[in-house]
Amino acid sequence: MPYSSLLIPSCPPPEPAPLRLFVYGTLKRGCYGFEQCCRGYCGLSPAAVRGRVVDRPEGYPTLFIPPEDVLAIGSEDLERDLALPWRYQPVESSVFPALEPPWRFVLGEVLEFRDAADRLPRFDAFEDFLPEDKNCYCRVLAPIITGRSISAAWIYASPHSPRFNAEHCMPSGGA
């Protein structure tokens, strides 16, 4: 069951909408990207996302998430993008759908920033994300788990590739 199906559309976002970003690798506390990009956050919570982290040959991690969990793909319209996570009401739950291979719970942190309009382009640049181009990372809106609730946040994840599918996904009907 896609986690995205658990989210309930909500009322309009707060004005101005803070940036909600799930981080899992070099942007987490204690890593070099955190010092470079994340100072000045206004909220930080442990979080998890359904996905799979794979180490890239360049020496840094990349995250793949189930395609059915993608709620939106980042665009050049930053105002629209910043409002999207807040359009999904957090849902309290003590039971989450089972994980099926190759997916796992990826642990990370969800950060919030008040200076969202300035901050999001900086994260896009750090992750080499250009909405109109093919990139190593895409910015996607996806469900995250914090404590006993599911909400939505932006995540930098890799687009699925034939190589990822061949190495990590079982064919239909596989054991």
N, C-alpha and C. Protein backbone atom coordinates (compact mmCIF):
# COMPACT_ATOMS: atom_id res chain seq x y z
N MET A 1 0.85 -1.18 0.00
CA MET A 1 0.00 0.00 0.00
C MET A 1 0.89 1.24 0.00
N PRO A 2 0.69 2.16 -0.92
CA PRO A 2 1.49 3.39 -0.93
C PRO A 2 1.21 4.22 0.32
N TYR A 3 2.26 4.72 0.94
CA TYR A 3 2.08 5.58 2.11
C TYR A 3 1.36 6.86 1.72
N SER A 4 1.50 7.26 0.45
CA SER A 4 0.84 8.49 0.00
C SER A 4 -0.67 8.39 0.15
N SER A 5 -1.21 7.17 0.11
CA SER A 5 -2.67 7.01 0.24
C SER A 5 -3.14 7.26 1.67
N LEU A 6 -2.21 7.33 2.63
CA LEU A 6 -2.58 7.58 4.02
C LEU A 6 -2.74 9.06 4.33
N LEU A 7 -2.22 9.93 3.47
CA LEU A 7 -2.28 11.36 3.72
C LEU A 7 -3.62 11.95 3.31
N ILE A 8 -4.08 12.91 4.08
CA ILE A 8 -5.37 13.55 3.83
C ILE A 8 -5.12 14.98 3.37
N PRO A 9 -5.67 15.38 2.21
CA PRO A 9 -5.53 16.78 1.80
C PRO A 9 -6.06 17.70 2.89
N SER A 10 -5.38 18.81 3.09
CA SER A 10 -5.67 19.70 4.20
C SER A 10 -6.04 21.09 3.70
N CYS A 11 -6.17 21.99 4.64
CA CYS A 11 -6.48 23.38 4.33
C CYS A 11 -5.24 24.09 3.78
N PRO A 12 -5.39 25.35 3.37
CA PRO A 12 -4.25 26.10 2.82
C PRO A 12 -3.08 26.15 3.81
N PRO A 13 -1.86 26.28 3.29
CA PRO A 13 -0.67 26.29 4.14
C PRO A 13 -0.54 27.59 4.92
N PRO A 14 0.30 27.58 5.97
CA PRO A 14 0.57 28.83 6.68
C PRO A 14 1.28 29.81 5.75
N GLU A 15 1.17 31.08 6.03
CA GLU A 15 1.84 32.11 5.21
C GLU A 15 2.92 32.78 6.03
N PRO A 16 4.12 32.89 5.57
CA PRO A 16 4.67 32.11 4.46
C PRO A 16 4.94 30.68 4.92
N ALA A 17 4.84 29.76 4.01
CA ALA A 17 5.03 28.34 4.33
C ALA A 17 6.50 28.05 4.59
N PRO A 18 6.83 27.47 5.76
CA PRO A 18 8.22 27.08 6.00
C PRO A 18 8.60 25.92 5.07
N LEU A 19 9.88 25.78 4.83
CA LEU A 19 10.40 24.65 4.06
C LEU A 19 10.48 23.44 4.98
N ARG A 20 9.90 22.32 4.56
CA ARG A 20 10.03 21.03 5.27
C ARG A 20 10.88 20.13 4.38
N LEU A 21 12.02 19.67 4.92
CA LEU A 21 12.98 18.89 4.15
C LEU A 21 13.43 17.68 4.94
N PHE A 22 13.28 16.48 4.35
CA PHE A 22 13.80 15.25 4.95
C PHE A 22 15.23 15.07 4.47
N VAL A 23 16.17 14.87 5.41
CA VAL A 23 17.58 14.64 5.06
C VAL A 23 18.01 13.30 5.62
N TYR A 24 18.89 12.61 4.89
CA TYR A 24 19.27 11.24 5.26
C TYR A 24 20.76 10.97 5.13
N GLY A 25 21.53 11.86 4.54
CA GLY A 25 22.95 11.59 4.28
C GLY A 25 23.81 12.76 4.69
N THR A 26 24.45 13.38 3.72
CA THR A 26 25.41 14.44 3.99
C THR A 26 24.78 15.71 4.57
N LEU A 27 23.45 15.82 4.56
CA LEU A 27 22.79 16.99 5.13
C LEU A 27 22.34 16.78 6.58
N LYS A 28 22.53 15.58 7.14
CA LYS A 28 22.15 15.33 8.53
C LYS A 28 23.12 16.02 9.49
N ARG A 29 22.65 16.24 10.73
CA ARG A 29 23.51 16.83 11.76
C ARG A 29 24.81 16.04 11.86
N GLY A 30 25.91 16.76 11.99
CA GLY A 30 27.22 16.12 12.12
C GLY A 30 27.92 15.86 10.80
N CYS A 31 27.25 16.06 9.69
CA CYS A 31 27.85 15.83 8.37
C CYS A 31 28.19 17.18 7.72
N TYR A 32 29.09 17.14 6.75
CA TYR A 32 29.59 18.39 6.18
C TYR A 32 28.49 19.23 5.52
N GLY A 33 27.50 18.61 4.91
CA GLY A 33 26.43 19.37 4.26
C GLY A 33 25.56 20.13 5.24
N PHE A 34 25.42 19.58 6.46
CA PHE A 34 24.62 20.25 7.48
C PHE A 34 25.27 21.59 7.83
N GLU A 35 26.56 21.57 8.07
CA GLU A 35 27.27 22.81 8.41
C GLU A 35 27.19 23.82 7.27
N GLN A 36 27.24 23.34 6.05
CA GLN A 36 27.24 24.21 4.88
C GLN A 36 25.86 24.78 4.58
N CYS A 37 24.79 23.99 4.80
CA CYS A 37 23.46 24.38 4.31
C CYS A 37 22.37 24.54 5.37
N CYS A 38 22.51 23.93 6.52
CA CYS A 38 21.36 23.78 7.41
C CYS A 38 21.36 24.67 8.65
N ARG A 39 22.36 25.49 8.83
CA ARG A 39 22.34 26.39 9.99
C ARG A 39 21.10 27.29 9.91
N GLY A 40 20.52 27.58 11.06
CA GLY A 40 19.37 28.47 11.09
C GLY A 40 18.03 27.77 10.95
N TYR A 41 18.00 26.44 11.09
CA TYR A 41 16.72 25.73 11.02
C TYR A 41 15.86 26.13 12.21
N CYS A 42 14.54 26.02 12.08
CA CYS A 42 13.64 26.37 13.18
C CYS A 42 12.95 25.14 13.75
N GLY A 43 13.16 23.98 13.16
CA GLY A 43 12.59 22.75 13.67
C GLY A 43 13.39 21.56 13.17
N LEU A 44 13.56 20.55 14.04
CA LEU A 44 14.29 19.35 13.65
C LEU A 44 13.70 18.18 14.42
N SER A 45 13.33 17.12 13.72
CA SER A 45 12.78 15.92 14.35
C SER A 45 13.34 14.69 13.68
N PRO A 46 13.55 13.60 14.44
CA PRO A 46 13.89 12.34 13.80
C PRO A 46 12.74 11.92 12.90
N ALA A 47 13.07 11.30 11.79
CA ALA A 47 12.03 10.90 10.83
C ALA A 47 12.52 9.68 10.05
N ALA A 48 11.60 9.08 9.33
CA ALA A 48 11.92 7.95 8.46
C ALA A 48 11.09 8.06 7.20
N VAL A 49 11.60 7.47 6.14
CA VAL A 49 10.89 7.42 4.86
C VAL A 49 11.02 6.00 4.33
N ARG A 50 10.05 5.59 3.57
CA ARG A 50 10.13 4.29 2.91
C ARG A 50 11.03 4.45 1.70
N GLY A 51 12.09 3.65 1.61
CA GLY A 51 13.01 3.79 0.49
C GLY A 51 14.18 2.83 0.59
N ARG A 52 15.24 3.19 -0.10
CA ARG A 52 16.46 2.39 -0.11
C ARG A 52 17.63 3.32 -0.39
N VAL A 53 18.63 3.30 0.49
CA VAL A 53 19.84 4.10 0.29
C VAL A 53 20.89 3.23 -0.36
N VAL A 54 21.52 3.78 -1.38
CA VAL A 54 22.58 3.10 -2.12
C VAL A 54 23.78 4.04 -2.16
N ASP A 55 24.97 3.51 -1.91
CA ASP A 55 26.18 4.34 -2.00
C ASP A 55 26.56 4.53 -3.46
N ARG A 56 26.77 5.78 -3.82
CA ARG A 56 27.20 6.11 -5.18
C ARG A 56 28.69 5.87 -5.32
N PRO A 57 29.17 5.62 -6.54
CA PRO A 57 30.61 5.43 -6.76
C PRO A 57 31.43 6.64 -6.32
N GLU A 58 30.82 7.83 -6.33
CA GLU A 58 31.52 9.05 -5.94
C GLU A 58 31.74 9.15 -4.43
N GLY A 59 31.14 8.22 -3.66
CA GLY A 59 31.37 8.19 -2.23
C GLY A 59 30.29 8.81 -1.37
N TYR A 60 29.15 9.12 -1.92
CA TYR A 60 28.07 9.66 -1.10
C TYR A 60 26.79 8.87 -1.37
N PRO A 61 25.86 8.92 -0.41
CA PRO A 61 24.65 8.11 -0.54
C PRO A 61 23.60 8.75 -1.45
N THR A 62 22.75 7.91 -2.00
CA THR A 62 21.59 8.39 -2.74
C THR A 62 20.39 7.55 -2.30
N LEU A 63 19.24 8.15 -2.32
CA LEU A 63 18.01 7.50 -1.87
C LEU A 63 17.09 7.25 -3.04
N PHE A 64 16.54 6.06 -3.09
CA PHE A 64 15.47 5.73 -4.02
C PHE A 64 14.22 5.54 -3.18
N ILE A 65 13.10 6.09 -3.64
CA ILE A 65 11.84 5.87 -2.93
C ILE A 65 10.86 5.22 -3.89
N PRO A 66 9.87 4.50 -3.37
CA PRO A 66 8.90 3.86 -4.26
C PRO A 66 8.20 4.90 -5.12
N PRO A 67 8.12 4.68 -6.42
CA PRO A 67 7.47 5.66 -7.30
C PRO A 67 6.05 6.01 -6.86
N GLU A 68 5.34 5.04 -6.29
CA GLU A 68 3.95 5.31 -5.88
C GLU A 68 3.87 6.23 -4.66
N ASP A 69 4.98 6.47 -3.98
CA ASP A 69 4.98 7.38 -2.84
C ASP A 69 5.28 8.83 -3.22
N VAL A 70 5.61 9.08 -4.47
CA VAL A 70 5.91 10.45 -4.91
C VAL A 70 4.60 11.23 -5.06
N LEU A 71 4.45 12.27 -4.26
CA LEU A 71 3.26 13.12 -4.30
C LEU A 71 3.40 14.23 -5.33
N ALA A 72 4.63 14.70 -5.54
CA ALA A 72 4.91 15.78 -6.50
C ALA A 72 6.40 15.78 -6.80
N ILE A 73 6.75 16.37 -7.93
CA ILE A 73 8.14 16.54 -8.33
C ILE A 73 8.46 18.02 -8.30
N GLY A 74 9.62 18.37 -7.78
CA GLY A 74 10.03 19.77 -7.67
C GLY A 74 9.98 20.49 -9.01
N SER A 75 9.63 21.76 -8.94
CA SER A 75 9.48 22.55 -10.16
C SER A 75 10.23 23.88 -10.01
N GLU A 76 10.13 24.71 -11.03
CA GLU A 76 10.71 26.05 -10.97
C GLU A 76 9.81 27.01 -10.19
N ASP A 77 8.58 26.62 -9.90
CA ASP A 77 7.63 27.46 -9.18
C ASP A 77 7.83 27.24 -7.67
N LEU A 78 8.77 27.98 -7.09
CA LEU A 78 9.13 27.76 -5.69
C LEU A 78 7.97 28.04 -4.74
N GLU A 79 7.17 29.04 -5.02
CA GLU A 79 6.04 29.36 -4.14
C GLU A 79 5.08 28.18 -4.06
N ARG A 80 4.77 27.60 -5.21
CA ARG A 80 3.90 26.42 -5.27
C ARG A 80 4.54 25.26 -4.51
N ASP A 81 5.82 25.02 -4.79
CA ASP A 81 6.51 23.90 -4.16
C ASP A 81 6.55 24.03 -2.64
N LEU A 82 6.79 25.24 -2.14
CA LEU A 82 6.88 25.43 -0.69
C LEU A 82 5.54 25.21 -0.01
N ALA A 83 4.44 25.46 -0.69
CA ALA A 83 3.11 25.28 -0.10
C ALA A 83 2.67 23.82 -0.10
N LEU A 84 3.19 23.01 -1.00
CA LEU A 84 2.69 21.64 -1.17
C LEU A 84 2.75 20.76 0.09
N PRO A 85 3.86 20.70 0.85
CA PRO A 85 3.86 19.82 2.02
C PRO A 85 2.78 20.16 3.03
N TRP A 86 2.41 21.41 3.09
CA TRP A 86 1.43 21.86 4.08
C TRP A 86 0.00 21.60 3.63
N ARG A 87 -0.17 21.11 2.42
CA ARG A 87 -1.51 20.79 1.92
C ARG A 87 -1.94 19.38 2.33
N TYR A 88 -1.07 18.68 3.05
CA TYR A 88 -1.40 17.34 3.54
C TYR A 88 -1.40 17.37 5.06
N GLN A 89 -2.54 17.04 5.61
CA GLN A 89 -2.71 17.03 7.05
C GLN A 89 -1.96 15.83 7.64
N PRO A 90 -1.15 16.03 8.70
CA PRO A 90 -0.51 14.87 9.32
C PRO A 90 -1.55 13.88 9.83
N VAL A 91 -1.26 12.60 9.67
CA VAL A 91 -2.18 11.54 10.07
C VAL A 91 -1.53 10.74 11.19
N GLU A 92 -2.20 10.66 12.33
CA GLU A 92 -1.71 9.86 13.45
C GLU A 92 -1.98 8.39 13.15
N SER A 93 -1.00 7.54 13.48
CA SER A 93 -1.18 6.11 13.25
C SER A 93 -0.21 5.34 14.12
N SER A 94 -0.65 4.22 14.62
CA SER A 94 0.25 3.33 15.36
C SER A 94 0.62 2.13 14.51
N VAL A 95 -0.02 2.01 13.36
CA VAL A 95 0.26 0.89 12.45
C VAL A 95 0.57 1.46 11.08
N PHE A 96 1.70 1.04 10.52
CA PHE A 96 2.09 1.48 9.19
C PHE A 96 2.10 0.27 8.26
N PRO A 97 1.77 0.45 7.00
CA PRO A 97 1.77 -0.68 6.07
C PRO A 97 3.12 -1.39 6.04
N ALA A 98 3.08 -2.68 5.83
CA ALA A 98 4.30 -3.49 5.78
C ALA A 98 5.19 -3.05 4.63
N LEU A 99 6.48 -3.24 4.82
CA LEU A 99 7.44 -2.95 3.76
C LEU A 99 7.64 -4.19 2.92
N GLU A 100 7.69 -4.00 1.61
CA GLU A 100 7.97 -5.10 0.70
C GLU A 100 9.31 -4.83 0.04
N PRO A 101 10.10 -5.90 -0.24
CA PRO A 101 11.39 -5.70 -0.89
C PRO A 101 11.23 -4.92 -2.18
N PRO A 102 12.15 -4.05 -2.51
CA PRO A 102 13.43 -3.81 -1.85
C PRO A 102 13.38 -2.70 -0.81
N TRP A 103 12.20 -2.27 -0.40
CA TRP A 103 12.06 -1.08 0.44
C TRP A 103 12.34 -1.37 1.90
N ARG A 104 12.88 -0.35 2.56
CA ARG A 104 13.22 -0.39 3.98
C ARG A 104 12.83 0.95 4.58
N PHE A 105 12.90 1.05 5.90
CA PHE A 105 12.76 2.37 6.52
C PHE A 105 14.14 3.03 6.52
N VAL A 106 14.22 4.19 5.91
CA VAL A 106 15.46 4.96 5.88
C VAL A 106 15.33 6.03 6.96
N LEU A 107 16.25 6.01 7.92
CA LEU A 107 16.21 6.96 9.02
C LEU A 107 16.91 8.25 8.64
N GLY A 108 16.36 9.34 9.11
CA GLY A 108 16.94 10.64 8.84
C GLY A 108 16.34 11.67 9.77
N GLU A 109 16.28 12.90 9.31
CA GLU A 109 15.74 14.01 10.09
C GLU A 109 14.88 14.87 9.17
N VAL A 110 13.83 15.44 9.73
CA VAL A 110 13.07 16.43 8.98
C VAL A 110 13.40 17.79 9.59
N LEU A 111 13.82 18.69 8.72
CA LEU A 111 14.20 20.05 9.12
C LEU A 111 13.16 21.03 8.60
N GLU A 112 12.94 22.09 9.36
CA GLU A 112 12.07 23.18 8.91
C GLU A 112 12.86 24.48 8.93
N PHE A 113 12.60 25.29 7.92
CA PHE A 113 13.29 26.57 7.75
C PHE A 113 12.25 27.66 7.48
N ARG A 114 12.35 28.78 8.19
CA ARG A 114 11.43 29.90 7.95
C ARG A 114 11.81 30.69 6.70
N ASP A 115 13.10 30.71 6.36
CA ASP A 115 13.56 31.47 5.20
C ASP A 115 13.47 30.60 3.93
N ALA A 116 12.32 29.99 3.75
CA ALA A 116 12.13 28.98 2.71
C ALA A 116 12.44 29.47 1.31
N ALA A 117 11.99 30.66 0.96
CA ALA A 117 12.17 31.16 -0.41
C ALA A 117 13.65 31.34 -0.76
N ASP A 118 14.47 31.65 0.24
CA ASP A 118 15.92 31.76 0.01
C ASP A 118 16.60 30.41 0.13
N ARG A 119 16.10 29.59 1.03
CA ARG A 119 16.77 28.33 1.37
C ARG A 119 16.59 27.26 0.29
N LEU A 120 15.39 27.12 -0.27
CA LEU A 120 15.14 26.04 -1.23
C LEU A 120 16.07 26.13 -2.44
N PRO A 121 16.28 27.30 -3.04
CA PRO A 121 17.23 27.36 -4.17
C PRO A 121 18.65 26.96 -3.76
N ARG A 122 19.04 27.24 -2.51
CA ARG A 122 20.38 26.84 -2.05
C ARG A 122 20.49 25.32 -1.94
N PHE A 123 19.43 24.68 -1.45
CA PHE A 123 19.44 23.21 -1.40
C PHE A 123 19.45 22.63 -2.81
N ASP A 124 18.64 23.21 -3.69
CA ASP A 124 18.64 22.73 -5.08
C ASP A 124 20.04 22.81 -5.68
N ALA A 125 20.75 23.90 -5.41
CA ALA A 125 22.12 24.06 -5.94
C ALA A 125 23.07 23.04 -5.30
N PHE A 126 22.96 22.84 -3.99
CA PHE A 126 23.82 21.88 -3.29
C PHE A 126 23.63 20.48 -3.86
N GLU A 127 22.39 20.12 -4.18
CA GLU A 127 22.08 18.79 -4.71
C GLU A 127 22.14 18.73 -6.24
N ASP A 128 22.58 19.81 -6.88
CA ASP A 128 22.65 19.88 -8.35
C ASP A 128 21.31 19.56 -9.00
N PHE A 129 20.23 20.05 -8.40
CA PHE A 129 18.89 19.81 -8.94
C PHE A 129 18.46 21.00 -9.79
N LEU A 130 18.19 20.74 -11.05
CA LEU A 130 17.62 21.72 -11.97
C LEU A 130 16.33 21.10 -12.49
N PRO A 131 15.17 21.70 -12.19
CA PRO A 131 13.90 21.08 -12.55
C PRO A 131 13.76 20.71 -14.02
N GLU A 132 14.36 21.48 -14.91
CA GLU A 132 14.15 21.23 -16.34
C GLU A 132 15.16 20.23 -16.91
N ASP A 133 16.15 19.79 -16.12
CA ASP A 133 17.19 18.91 -16.63
C ASP A 133 17.13 17.52 -15.98
N LYS A 134 17.80 16.57 -16.63
CA LYS A 134 17.99 15.25 -16.04
C LYS A 134 19.11 15.38 -15.01
N ASN A 135 18.86 14.93 -13.80
CA ASN A 135 19.82 15.11 -12.71
C ASN A 135 20.07 13.80 -11.99
N CYS A 136 21.15 13.79 -11.21
CA CYS A 136 21.43 12.66 -10.32
C CYS A 136 20.36 12.62 -9.23
N TYR A 137 19.92 13.80 -8.78
CA TYR A 137 18.87 13.89 -7.76
C TYR A 137 17.69 14.67 -8.31
N CYS A 138 16.50 14.27 -7.86
CA CYS A 138 15.29 15.07 -8.10
C CYS A 138 14.79 15.48 -6.72
N ARG A 139 14.10 16.58 -6.68
CA ARG A 139 13.42 16.98 -5.44
C ARG A 139 12.00 16.47 -5.55
N VAL A 140 11.63 15.56 -4.63
CA VAL A 140 10.29 14.98 -4.66
C VAL A 140 9.60 15.21 -3.32
N LEU A 141 8.30 15.36 -3.37
CA LEU A 141 7.48 15.44 -2.17
C LEU A 141 6.99 14.04 -1.88
N ALA A 142 7.22 13.57 -0.65
CA ALA A 142 6.86 12.20 -0.31
C ALA A 142 6.45 12.12 1.16
N PRO A 143 5.74 11.05 1.53
CA PRO A 143 5.35 10.86 2.92
C PRO A 143 6.56 10.55 3.80
N ILE A 144 6.58 11.13 4.99
CA ILE A 144 7.60 10.82 5.98
C ILE A 144 6.91 10.43 7.28
N ILE A 145 7.61 9.66 8.09
CA ILE A 145 7.09 9.24 9.39
C ILE A 145 7.87 9.96 10.47
N THR A 146 7.16 10.65 11.34
CA THR A 146 7.76 11.27 12.52
C THR A 146 6.96 10.80 13.72
N GLY A 147 7.60 10.08 14.61
CA GLY A 147 6.89 9.54 15.76
C GLY A 147 5.78 8.61 15.31
N ARG A 148 4.55 8.99 15.63
CA ARG A 148 3.40 8.16 15.26
C ARG A 148 2.53 8.83 14.21
N SER A 149 3.13 9.67 13.39
CA SER A 149 2.33 10.32 12.35
C SER A 149 3.05 10.30 11.01
N ILE A 150 2.24 10.42 9.97
CA ILE A 150 2.76 10.52 8.61
C ILE A 150 2.40 11.92 8.11
N SER A 151 3.38 12.60 7.54
CA SER A 151 3.15 13.90 6.92
C SER A 151 3.97 13.94 5.63
N ALA A 152 4.09 15.10 5.03
CA ALA A 152 4.80 15.20 3.75
C ALA A 152 5.98 16.16 3.88
N ALA A 153 7.07 15.86 3.16
CA ALA A 153 8.24 16.73 3.13
C ALA A 153 8.95 16.56 1.80
N TRP A 154 9.75 17.56 1.46
CA TRP A 154 10.60 17.45 0.27
C TRP A 154 11.80 16.58 0.59
N ILE A 155 12.22 15.81 -0.40
CA ILE A 155 13.36 14.88 -0.27
C ILE A 155 14.14 14.94 -1.57
N TYR A 156 15.46 14.92 -1.47
CA TYR A 156 16.29 14.77 -2.67
C TYR A 156 16.56 13.29 -2.84
N ALA A 157 16.02 12.72 -3.91
CA ALA A 157 16.12 11.29 -4.18
C ALA A 157 16.55 11.09 -5.62
N SER A 158 17.07 9.92 -5.90
CA SER A 158 17.47 9.60 -7.27
C SER A 158 16.30 9.05 -8.05
N PRO A 159 16.22 9.40 -9.33
CA PRO A 159 15.19 8.78 -10.17
C PRO A 159 15.54 7.31 -10.38
N HIS A 160 14.53 6.49 -10.53
CA HIS A 160 14.78 5.06 -10.75
C HIS A 160 15.48 4.87 -12.09
N SER A 161 16.35 3.88 -12.11
CA SER A 161 17.11 3.58 -13.32
C SER A 161 17.05 2.08 -13.57
N PRO A 162 17.29 1.66 -14.79
CA PRO A 162 17.34 0.22 -15.05
C PRO A 162 18.37 -0.48 -14.16
N ARG A 163 19.50 0.19 -13.88
CA ARG A 163 20.52 -0.43 -13.04
C ARG A 163 19.99 -0.65 -11.62
N PHE A 164 19.35 0.38 -11.02
CA PHE A 164 18.79 0.21 -9.68
C PHE A 164 17.78 -0.92 -9.68
N ASN A 165 16.88 -0.92 -10.65
CA ASN A 165 15.85 -1.96 -10.71
C ASN A 165 16.47 -3.34 -10.84
N ALA A 166 17.51 -3.48 -11.66
CA ALA A 166 18.15 -4.79 -11.86
C ALA A 166 18.87 -5.26 -10.60
N GLU A 167 19.48 -4.33 -9.86
CA GLU A 167 20.27 -4.71 -8.69
C GLU A 167 19.45 -4.86 -7.42
N HIS A 168 18.32 -4.15 -7.32
CA HIS A 168 17.62 -4.10 -6.04
C HIS A 168 16.16 -4.53 -6.07
N CYS A 169 15.55 -4.59 -7.22
CA CYS A 169 14.13 -4.92 -7.30
C CYS A 169 13.96 -6.33 -7.87
N MET A 170 13.08 -7.08 -7.25
CA MET A 170 12.80 -8.41 -7.77
C MET A 170 11.83 -8.30 -8.94
N PRO A 171 11.99 -9.14 -9.96
CA PRO A 171 11.01 -9.14 -11.05
C PRO A 171 9.65 -9.58 -10.54
N SER A 172 8.60 -9.23 -11.26
CA SER A 172 7.24 -9.64 -10.88
C SER A 172 7.20 -11.14 -10.72
N GLY A 173 6.58 -11.57 -9.63
CA GLY A 173 6.46 -13.00 -9.37
C GLY A 173 7.72 -13.59 -8.77
N GLY A 174 8.73 -12.75 -8.46
CA GLY A 174 9.97 -13.25 -7.88
C GLY A 174 9.78 -13.70 -6.46
N ALA A 175 10.71 -14.51 -5.98
CA ALA A 175 10.62 -15.05 -4.63
C ALA A 175 11.23 -14.12 -3.62
